[in-house]
């Protein structure tokens, strides 16, 4: 679902914390269009957790075979976990190349 550019505005609206970050992300998507990279989820690890905020690191295996880790900041809002963006509409963490899935709980599609 996340790789379908037609769904990006709907996903951004429903899955991100309301505020300047979400507004900036929606505006940027309108201008930029789809530039996503596709990959398969390969693992996950919880980096931090409280009752209203968490950081979850998801490992992706790209089509090239590379492993990339991407930490996502989450906040409990409106009865659900939503992605927290900076006021500029960007995630607070950048993707990093991984050497292995050490520390991740393996996860894969069927």
C-alpha atoms as a PDB file:
ATOM      1  CA  UNK A   1       0.000   0.000   0.000  1.00  0.00           C
ATOM      2  CA  UNK A   2       2.805   2.403   0.866  1.00  0.00           C
ATOM      3  CA  UNK A   3       4.336   2.038  -2.589  1.00  0.00           C
ATOM      4  CA  UNK A   4       1.191   3.185  -4.453  1.00  0.00           C
ATOM      5  CA  UNK A   5       1.702   6.920  -5.091  1.00  0.00           C
ATOM      6  CA  UNK A   6      -2.053   7.466  -5.376  1.00  0.00           C
ATOM      7  CA  UNK A   7      -2.467   6.431  -1.733  1.00  0.00           C
ATOM      8  CA  UNK A   8       0.375   8.566  -0.327  1.00  0.00           C
ATOM      9  CA  UNK A   9      -1.740  11.618   0.603  1.00  0.00           C
ATOM     10  CA  UNK A  10      -4.356   9.428   2.299  1.00  0.00           C
ATOM     11  CA  UNK A  11      -1.710   7.446   4.189  1.00  0.00           C
ATOM     12  CA  UNK A  12       0.138  10.601   5.221  1.00  0.00           C
ATOM     13  CA  UNK A  13      -3.064  12.171   6.487  1.00  0.00           C
ATOM     14  CA  UNK A  14      -4.136   9.150   8.519  1.00  0.00           C
ATOM     15  CA  UNK A  15      -0.786   7.809   9.698  1.00  0.00           C
ATOM     16  CA  UNK A  16       1.109  10.910  10.808  1.00  0.00           C
ATOM     17  CA  UNK A  17       0.787  13.125  13.883  1.00  0.00           C
ATOM     18  CA  UNK A  18      -1.372  16.192  13.101  1.00  0.00           C
ATOM     19  CA  UNK A  19       0.567  19.456  12.943  1.00  0.00           C
ATOM     20  CA  UNK A  20       3.133  21.373  10.898  1.00  0.00           C
ATOM     21  CA  UNK A  21       5.123  18.243  10.027  1.00  0.00           C
ATOM     22  CA  UNK A  22       2.149  16.479   8.461  1.00  0.00           C
ATOM     23  CA  UNK A  23       1.121  19.645   6.608  1.00  0.00           C
ATOM     24  CA  UNK A  24       4.644  20.061   5.198  1.00  0.00           C
ATOM     25  CA  UNK A  25       4.795  16.382   4.170  1.00  0.00           C
ATOM     26  CA  UNK A  26       1.459  16.571   2.355  1.00  0.00           C
ATOM     27  CA  UNK A  27       2.534  19.722   0.521  1.00  0.00           C
ATOM     28  CA  UNK A  28       5.876  18.164  -0.447  1.00  0.00           C
ATOM     29  CA  UNK A  29       4.172  15.010  -1.779  1.00  0.00           C
ATOM     30  CA  UNK A  30       1.916  17.143  -3.969  1.00  0.00           C
ATOM     31  CA  UNK A  31       4.965  18.851  -5.490  1.00  0.00           C
ATOM     32  CA  UNK A  32       7.405  15.926  -5.533  1.00  0.00           C
ATOM     33  CA  UNK A  33       5.269  12.928  -6.512  1.00  0.00           C
ATOM     34  CA  UNK A  34       6.396   9.352  -5.911  1.00  0.00           C
ATOM     35  CA  UNK A  35      10.132   8.790  -5.405  1.00  0.00           C
ATOM     36  CA  UNK A  36       9.890   5.790  -3.116  1.00  0.00           C
ATOM     37  CA  UNK A  37      12.249   2.856  -2.933  1.00  0.00           C
ATOM     38  CA  UNK A  38      10.685  -0.556  -2.726  1.00  0.00           C
ATOM     39  CA  UNK A  39      11.827  -3.347  -0.483  1.00  0.00           C
ATOM     40  CA  UNK A  40      10.634  -6.137   1.765  1.00  0.00           C
ATOM     41  CA  UNK A  41      10.506  -5.812   5.544  1.00  0.00           C
ATOM     42  CA  UNK A  42      13.233  -8.085   6.919  1.00  0.00           C
ATOM     43  CA  UNK A  43      13.174  -7.355  10.650  1.00  0.00           C
ATOM     44  CA  UNK A  44      12.143  -5.017  13.418  1.00  0.00           C
ATOM     45  CA  UNK A  45      13.448  -3.844  16.778  1.00  0.00           C
ATOM     46  CA  UNK A  46      12.022  -1.481  19.391  1.00  0.00           C
ATOM     47  CA  UNK A  47      14.644   1.138  20.283  1.00  0.00           C
ATOM     48  CA  UNK A  48      12.591   2.981  22.924  1.00  0.00           C
ATOM     49  CA  UNK A  49       9.078   2.848  24.311  1.00  0.00           C
ATOM     50  CA  UNK A  50       6.841   4.748  26.725  1.00  0.00           C
ATOM     51  CA  UNK A  51       3.073   4.732  26.969  1.00  0.00           C
ATOM     52  CA  UNK A  52       2.797   7.607  24.487  1.00  0.00           C
ATOM     53  CA  UNK A  53       6.008   7.590  22.404  1.00  0.00           C
ATOM     54  CA  UNK A  54       8.164   4.929  20.772  1.00  0.00           C
ATOM     55  CA  UNK A  55      10.997   4.549  18.273  1.00  0.00           C
ATOM     56  CA  UNK A  56      10.812   1.406  16.142  1.00  0.00           C
ATOM     57  CA  UNK A  57      13.620   0.457  13.762  1.00  0.00           C
ATOM     58  CA  UNK A  58      12.512  -1.507  10.707  1.00  0.00           C
ATOM     59  CA  UNK A  59      15.039  -3.312   8.497  1.00  0.00           C
ATOM     60  CA  UNK A  60      14.252  -3.556   4.786  1.00  0.00           C
ATOM     61  CA  UNK A  61      15.871  -5.757   2.170  1.00  0.00           C
ATOM     62  CA  UNK A  62      16.030  -3.759  -1.045  1.00  0.00           C
ATOM     63  CA  UNK A  63      15.775  -5.262  -4.521  1.00  0.00           C
ATOM     64  CA  UNK A  64      19.545  -4.847  -4.771  1.00  0.00           C
ATOM     65  CA  UNK A  65      19.986  -7.186  -1.786  1.00  0.00           C
ATOM     66  CA  UNK A  66      21.185  -4.402   0.530  1.00  0.00           C
ATOM     67  CA  UNK A  67      19.795  -4.167   4.047  1.00  0.00           C
ATOM     68  CA  UNK A  68      18.649  -0.759   5.239  1.00  0.00           C
ATOM     69  CA  UNK A  69      17.495   0.184   8.731  1.00  0.00           C
ATOM     70  CA  UNK A  70      14.992   2.972   9.164  1.00  0.00           C
ATOM     71  CA  UNK A  71      14.010   4.147  12.647  1.00  0.00           C
ATOM     72  CA  UNK A  72      10.512   5.598  12.902  1.00  0.00           C
ATOM     73  CA  UNK A  73       9.415   7.906  15.721  1.00  0.00           C
ATOM     74  CA  UNK A  74       5.837   7.209  16.814  1.00  0.00           C
ATOM     75  CA  UNK A  75       3.405   9.024  19.092  1.00  0.00           C
ATOM     76  CA  UNK A  76       0.099   7.773  20.535  1.00  0.00           C
ATOM     77  CA  UNK A  77      -2.495  10.210  19.136  1.00  0.00           C
ATOM     78  CA  UNK A  78      -6.238   9.896  18.652  1.00  0.00           C
ATOM     79  CA  UNK A  79      -6.222   6.285  19.894  1.00  0.00           C
ATOM     80  CA  UNK A  80      -3.510   5.028  17.514  1.00  0.00           C
ATOM     81  CA  UNK A  81       0.257   5.053  16.918  1.00  0.00           C
ATOM     82  CA  UNK A  82       1.129   7.692  14.329  1.00  0.00           C
ATOM     83  CA  UNK A  83       4.416   8.653  12.689  1.00  0.00           C
ATOM     84  CA  UNK A  84       6.039  11.764  14.156  1.00  0.00           C
ATOM     85  CA  UNK A  85       7.669  14.094  11.605  1.00  0.00           C
ATOM     86  CA  UNK A  86       9.811  17.192  12.050  1.00  0.00           C
ATOM     87  CA  UNK A  87       8.164  20.563  11.376  1.00  0.00           C
ATOM     88  CA  UNK A  88       9.702  20.382   7.882  1.00  0.00           C
ATOM     89  CA  UNK A  89       7.757  17.182   7.157  1.00  0.00           C
ATOM     90  CA  UNK A  90      10.772  14.882   7.384  1.00  0.00           C
ATOM     91  CA  UNK A  91      11.335  11.830   9.575  1.00  0.00           C
ATOM     92  CA  UNK A  92      13.725  12.657  12.434  1.00  0.00           C
ATOM     93  CA  UNK A  93      15.980   9.682  11.581  1.00  0.00           C
ATOM     94  CA  UNK A  94      17.745   8.892   8.317  1.00  0.00           C
ATOM     95  CA  UNK A  95      18.042   5.380   6.838  1.00  0.00           C
ATOM     96  CA  UNK A  96      21.319   3.537   7.455  1.00  0.00           C
ATOM     97  CA  UNK A  97      22.947   0.613   5.657  1.00  0.00           C
ATOM     98  CA  UNK A  98      23.070  -2.549   7.752  1.00  0.00           C
ATOM     99  CA  UNK A  99      25.652  -5.308   7.686  1.00  0.00           C
ATOM    100  CA  UNK A 100      23.272  -7.903   9.170  1.00  0.00           C
ATOM    101  CA  UNK A 101      19.969  -8.347  10.976  1.00  0.00           C
ATOM    102  CA  UNK A 102      21.748  -8.723  14.331  1.00  0.00           C
ATOM    103  CA  UNK A 103      19.479  -7.312  17.053  1.00  0.00           C
ATOM    104  CA  UNK A 104      16.374  -7.385  14.865  1.00  0.00           C
ATOM    105  CA  UNK A 105      13.455  -9.761  15.210  1.00  0.00           C
ATOM    106  CA  UNK A 106      13.258 -11.382  11.733  1.00  0.00           C
ATOM    107  CA  UNK A 107      10.087 -10.639   9.809  1.00  0.00           C
ATOM    108  CA  UNK A 108       9.224 -11.547   6.236  1.00  0.00           C
ATOM    109  CA  UNK A 109       6.316 -11.865   3.844  1.00  0.00           C
ATOM    110  CA  UNK A 110       4.758 -15.194   3.018  1.00  0.00           C
END
